[in-house]
Amino acid sequence: MQCIKTTCLVTAVLIFSTGLGQEQDTTASDTITKEIAVITEGSAFGAGFHRLIWNGKTSAGLSAPTGIYFYQADIKNDSGRSLFHESRKMLLVK
């Protein structure tokens, strides 16, 4: 999973690929690992490449301040077993 730069809007675009029949949970956390937004939860994705967009807002609908954040992806199979877990850093700039 990777985060790419966006130039016009305060968004983060996360690109990833999955196999068939996998669910993904994706969250954004601040630097003290406090979850601030749920980007996907239990979303099923077919095989191939996909894009997720985080709009820079918290789960409460407030704009997240400029800063360093971490996104975490957890991909599971049909039985709920974790197949892949990754955390990466991203920079949100307004």
N, C-alpha and C. Protein backbone atom coordinates (compact mmCIF):
# COMPACT_ATOMS: atom_id res chain seq x y z
N MET A 1 0.86 -1.16 0.00
CA MET A 1 0.00 0.00 0.00
C MET A 1 0.90 1.22 0.00
N GLN A 2 0.55 2.22 -0.79
CA GLN A 2 1.35 3.44 -0.80
C GLN A 2 0.46 4.66 -0.82
N CYS A 3 0.97 5.75 -0.31
CA CYS A 3 0.27 7.02 -0.30
C CYS A 3 0.93 7.90 -1.34
N ILE A 4 0.14 8.53 -2.23
CA ILE A 4 0.72 9.40 -3.23
C ILE A 4 0.36 10.84 -2.93
N LYS A 5 1.18 11.77 -3.42
CA LYS A 5 0.95 13.19 -3.17
C LYS A 5 -0.22 13.68 -4.01
N THR A 6 -1.04 14.55 -3.41
CA THR A 6 -2.08 15.24 -4.15
C THR A 6 -1.77 16.72 -4.09
N THR A 7 -2.06 17.45 -5.14
CA THR A 7 -1.62 18.83 -5.20
C THR A 7 -2.71 19.86 -4.95
N CYS A 8 -3.96 19.56 -5.23
CA CYS A 8 -5.00 20.58 -5.15
C CYS A 8 -5.82 20.54 -3.87
N LEU A 9 -6.13 19.36 -3.40
CA LEU A 9 -7.03 19.22 -2.26
C LEU A 9 -6.30 18.63 -1.06
N VAL A 10 -6.87 18.82 0.10
CA VAL A 10 -6.32 18.22 1.30
C VAL A 10 -6.84 16.79 1.38
N THR A 11 -6.18 15.90 0.65
CA THR A 11 -6.58 14.50 0.62
C THR A 11 -5.34 13.63 0.58
N ALA A 12 -5.52 12.39 0.94
CA ALA A 12 -4.46 11.38 0.79
C ALA A 12 -5.05 10.26 -0.06
N VAL A 13 -4.32 9.85 -1.07
CA VAL A 13 -4.75 8.76 -1.93
C VAL A 13 -3.90 7.54 -1.60
N LEU A 14 -4.54 6.46 -1.17
CA LEU A 14 -3.86 5.24 -0.81
C LEU A 14 -4.11 4.22 -1.91
N ILE A 15 -3.06 3.65 -2.47
CA ILE A 15 -3.17 2.68 -3.56
C ILE A 15 -2.73 1.32 -3.05
N PHE A 16 -3.51 0.28 -3.37
CA PHE A 16 -3.17 -1.06 -2.90
C PHE A 16 -3.74 -2.08 -3.86
N SER A 17 -3.28 -3.32 -3.73
CA SER A 17 -3.83 -4.41 -4.52
C SER A 17 -4.22 -5.55 -3.57
N THR A 18 -5.24 -6.31 -3.97
CA THR A 18 -5.71 -7.42 -3.16
C THR A 18 -5.97 -8.63 -4.05
N GLY A 19 -6.11 -9.77 -3.39
CA GLY A 19 -6.56 -10.98 -4.07
C GLY A 19 -8.07 -11.05 -3.98
N LEU A 20 -8.64 -12.08 -4.50
CA LEU A 20 -10.09 -12.23 -4.54
C LEU A 20 -10.66 -12.48 -3.15
N GLY A 21 -11.79 -11.84 -2.85
CA GLY A 21 -12.53 -12.10 -1.62
C GLY A 21 -11.85 -11.67 -0.35
N GLN A 22 -11.21 -10.51 -0.35
CA GLN A 22 -10.53 -10.04 0.85
C GLN A 22 -11.17 -8.77 1.36
N GLU A 23 -11.25 -8.66 2.69
CA GLU A 23 -11.78 -7.47 3.33
C GLU A 23 -10.63 -6.62 3.83
N GLN A 24 -10.87 -5.31 3.88
CA GLN A 24 -9.83 -4.42 4.34
C GLN A 24 -10.39 -3.42 5.33
N ASP A 25 -9.65 -3.21 6.42
CA ASP A 25 -9.89 -2.12 7.36
C ASP A 25 -8.72 -1.17 7.21
N THR A 26 -9.00 0.13 7.08
CA THR A 26 -7.94 1.12 6.95
C THR A 26 -8.26 2.28 7.88
N THR A 27 -7.28 2.69 8.68
CA THR A 27 -7.48 3.79 9.62
C THR A 27 -6.36 4.80 9.48
N ALA A 28 -6.61 6.02 9.94
CA ALA A 28 -5.58 7.06 10.03
C ALA A 28 -5.41 7.38 11.50
N SER A 29 -4.15 7.49 11.94
CA SER A 29 -3.85 7.76 13.35
C SER A 29 -2.86 8.92 13.42
N ASP A 30 -2.89 9.63 14.57
CA ASP A 30 -1.90 10.69 14.76
C ASP A 30 -0.60 10.07 15.29
N THR A 31 0.36 10.91 15.61
CA THR A 31 1.69 10.41 15.97
C THR A 31 1.73 9.68 17.31
N ILE A 32 0.70 9.82 18.13
CA ILE A 32 0.67 9.06 19.38
C ILE A 32 -0.24 7.84 19.25
N THR A 33 -0.47 7.43 18.03
CA THR A 33 -1.26 6.25 17.66
C THR A 33 -2.72 6.32 18.11
N LYS A 34 -3.24 7.53 18.24
CA LYS A 34 -4.65 7.70 18.53
C LYS A 34 -5.40 7.69 17.19
N GLU A 35 -6.32 6.75 17.02
CA GLU A 35 -7.08 6.67 15.78
C GLU A 35 -7.94 7.92 15.63
N ILE A 36 -7.81 8.59 14.48
CA ILE A 36 -8.61 9.80 14.26
C ILE A 36 -9.65 9.62 13.16
N ALA A 37 -9.47 8.63 12.28
CA ALA A 37 -10.43 8.42 11.20
C ALA A 37 -10.43 6.97 10.77
N VAL A 38 -11.61 6.48 10.44
CA VAL A 38 -11.74 5.16 9.83
C VAL A 38 -11.99 5.40 8.35
N ILE A 39 -11.06 4.94 7.51
CA ILE A 39 -11.18 5.15 6.07
C ILE A 39 -12.03 4.04 5.45
N THR A 40 -11.79 2.80 5.82
CA THR A 40 -12.65 1.68 5.43
C THR A 40 -12.77 0.75 6.63
N GLU A 41 -13.90 0.07 6.72
CA GLU A 41 -14.07 -0.91 7.78
C GLU A 41 -14.88 -2.08 7.23
N GLY A 42 -14.24 -3.23 7.11
CA GLY A 42 -14.90 -4.42 6.61
C GLY A 42 -15.31 -4.33 5.15
N SER A 43 -14.67 -3.45 4.40
CA SER A 43 -15.00 -3.29 2.99
C SER A 43 -14.39 -4.43 2.17
N ALA A 44 -15.19 -5.01 1.30
CA ALA A 44 -14.72 -6.10 0.46
C ALA A 44 -14.22 -5.54 -0.87
N PHE A 45 -13.06 -6.00 -1.29
CA PHE A 45 -12.47 -5.57 -2.55
C PHE A 45 -12.18 -6.80 -3.38
N GLY A 46 -12.48 -6.75 -4.67
CA GLY A 46 -12.14 -7.82 -5.58
C GLY A 46 -10.65 -7.79 -5.90
N ALA A 47 -10.21 -8.77 -6.66
CA ALA A 47 -8.80 -8.84 -7.03
C ALA A 47 -8.42 -7.63 -7.89
N GLY A 48 -7.22 -7.12 -7.70
CA GLY A 48 -6.72 -6.02 -8.52
C GLY A 48 -6.27 -4.84 -7.70
N PHE A 49 -6.04 -3.72 -8.39
CA PHE A 49 -5.56 -2.50 -7.76
C PHE A 49 -6.74 -1.60 -7.41
N HIS A 50 -6.63 -0.92 -6.27
CA HIS A 50 -7.71 -0.06 -5.78
C HIS A 50 -7.11 1.22 -5.21
N ARG A 51 -7.96 2.26 -5.14
CA ARG A 51 -7.56 3.54 -4.52
C ARG A 51 -8.55 3.89 -3.42
N LEU A 52 -8.02 4.35 -2.31
CA LEU A 52 -8.84 4.90 -1.23
C LEU A 52 -8.45 6.36 -1.08
N ILE A 53 -9.41 7.19 -0.78
CA ILE A 53 -9.12 8.61 -0.59
C ILE A 53 -9.56 9.01 0.81
N TRP A 54 -8.60 9.55 1.58
CA TRP A 54 -8.92 10.13 2.89
C TRP A 54 -9.02 11.62 2.68
N ASN A 55 -10.13 12.20 3.06
CA ASN A 55 -10.39 13.62 2.83
C ASN A 55 -9.77 14.56 3.87
N GLY A 56 -8.95 14.03 4.75
CA GLY A 56 -8.31 14.86 5.76
C GLY A 56 -9.21 15.22 6.91
N LYS A 57 -10.34 14.53 7.05
CA LYS A 57 -11.27 14.81 8.14
C LYS A 57 -11.23 13.67 9.16
N THR A 58 -11.51 14.02 10.40
CA THR A 58 -11.57 13.03 11.47
C THR A 58 -12.91 12.29 11.39
N SER A 59 -13.06 11.26 12.20
CA SER A 59 -14.34 10.54 12.25
C SER A 59 -15.48 11.43 12.73
N ALA A 60 -15.15 12.51 13.45
CA ALA A 60 -16.16 13.47 13.92
C ALA A 60 -16.51 14.50 12.86
N GLY A 61 -15.85 14.45 11.69
CA GLY A 61 -16.13 15.39 10.61
C GLY A 61 -15.33 16.67 10.66
N LEU A 62 -14.38 16.77 11.59
CA LEU A 62 -13.55 17.97 11.71
C LEU A 62 -12.30 17.83 10.84
N SER A 63 -11.78 18.95 10.36
CA SER A 63 -10.55 18.92 9.57
C SER A 63 -9.37 18.57 10.47
N ALA A 64 -8.59 17.58 10.06
CA ALA A 64 -7.39 17.22 10.81
C ALA A 64 -6.33 18.31 10.55
N PRO A 65 -5.58 18.69 11.56
CA PRO A 65 -4.56 19.72 11.35
C PRO A 65 -3.38 19.19 10.52
N THR A 66 -2.63 20.11 9.95
CA THR A 66 -1.41 19.76 9.24
C THR A 66 -0.51 18.97 10.18
N GLY A 67 0.08 17.91 9.68
CA GLY A 67 0.96 17.12 10.52
C GLY A 67 1.28 15.77 9.93
N ILE A 68 2.00 14.99 10.71
CA ILE A 68 2.37 13.63 10.32
C ILE A 68 1.33 12.67 10.87
N TYR A 69 0.87 11.79 10.01
CA TYR A 69 -0.12 10.78 10.39
C TYR A 69 0.37 9.42 9.93
N PHE A 70 -0.25 8.40 10.44
CA PHE A 70 0.05 7.04 10.03
C PHE A 70 -1.23 6.41 9.52
N TYR A 71 -1.14 5.67 8.43
CA TYR A 71 -2.29 4.89 8.01
C TYR A 71 -1.96 3.43 8.19
N GLN A 72 -2.95 2.69 8.60
CA GLN A 72 -2.79 1.27 8.86
C GLN A 72 -3.79 0.50 8.03
N ALA A 73 -3.32 -0.52 7.36
CA ALA A 73 -4.18 -1.38 6.55
C ALA A 73 -4.12 -2.79 7.10
N ASP A 74 -5.27 -3.40 7.24
CA ASP A 74 -5.36 -4.79 7.69
C ASP A 74 -6.25 -5.53 6.69
N ILE A 75 -5.67 -6.43 5.92
CA ILE A 75 -6.40 -7.19 4.91
C ILE A 75 -6.66 -8.59 5.46
N LYS A 76 -7.92 -9.03 5.37
CA LYS A 76 -8.33 -10.31 5.94
C LYS A 76 -8.96 -11.19 4.87
N ASN A 77 -8.91 -12.50 5.09
CA ASN A 77 -9.60 -13.42 4.18
C ASN A 77 -11.05 -13.58 4.62
N ASP A 78 -11.80 -14.44 3.93
CA ASP A 78 -13.22 -14.63 4.22
C ASP A 78 -13.51 -15.08 5.65
N SER A 79 -12.58 -15.81 6.25
CA SER A 79 -12.80 -16.29 7.61
C SER A 79 -12.36 -15.28 8.67
N GLY A 80 -11.88 -14.11 8.25
CA GLY A 80 -11.48 -13.06 9.19
C GLY A 80 -10.04 -13.12 9.63
N ARG A 81 -9.28 -14.08 9.11
CA ARG A 81 -7.86 -14.21 9.46
C ARG A 81 -7.06 -13.12 8.76
N SER A 82 -6.19 -12.45 9.50
CA SER A 82 -5.38 -11.38 8.93
C SER A 82 -4.32 -11.96 7.99
N LEU A 83 -4.33 -11.48 6.75
CA LEU A 83 -3.37 -11.92 5.75
C LEU A 83 -2.22 -10.93 5.60
N PHE A 84 -2.50 -9.67 5.91
CA PHE A 84 -1.51 -8.62 5.68
C PHE A 84 -1.83 -7.46 6.60
N HIS A 85 -0.81 -6.92 7.24
CA HIS A 85 -0.98 -5.73 8.08
C HIS A 85 0.21 -4.81 7.82
N GLU A 86 -0.09 -3.55 7.56
CA GLU A 86 0.99 -2.61 7.28
C GLU A 86 0.64 -1.24 7.83
N SER A 87 1.64 -0.56 8.36
CA SER A 87 1.51 0.84 8.82
C SER A 87 2.55 1.65 8.07
N ARG A 88 2.13 2.82 7.60
CA ARG A 88 3.05 3.74 6.93
C ARG A 88 2.75 5.17 7.33
N LYS A 89 3.75 6.00 7.13
CA LYS A 89 3.64 7.41 7.50
C LYS A 89 3.14 8.21 6.32
N MET A 90 2.36 9.26 6.60
CA MET A 90 1.95 10.20 5.57
C MET A 90 1.95 11.61 6.17
N LEU A 91 2.10 12.60 5.31
CA LEU A 91 2.15 13.99 5.73
C LEU A 91 0.93 14.69 5.17
N LEU A 92 0.13 15.31 6.04
CA LEU A 92 -1.03 16.07 5.62
C LEU A 92 -0.66 17.54 5.70
N VAL A 93 -0.70 18.23 4.57
CA VAL A 93 -0.33 19.65 4.50
C VAL A 93 -1.50 20.43 3.94
N LYS A 94 -1.83 21.52 4.58
CA LYS A 94 -2.94 22.36 4.10
C LYS A 94 -2.41 23.63 3.49
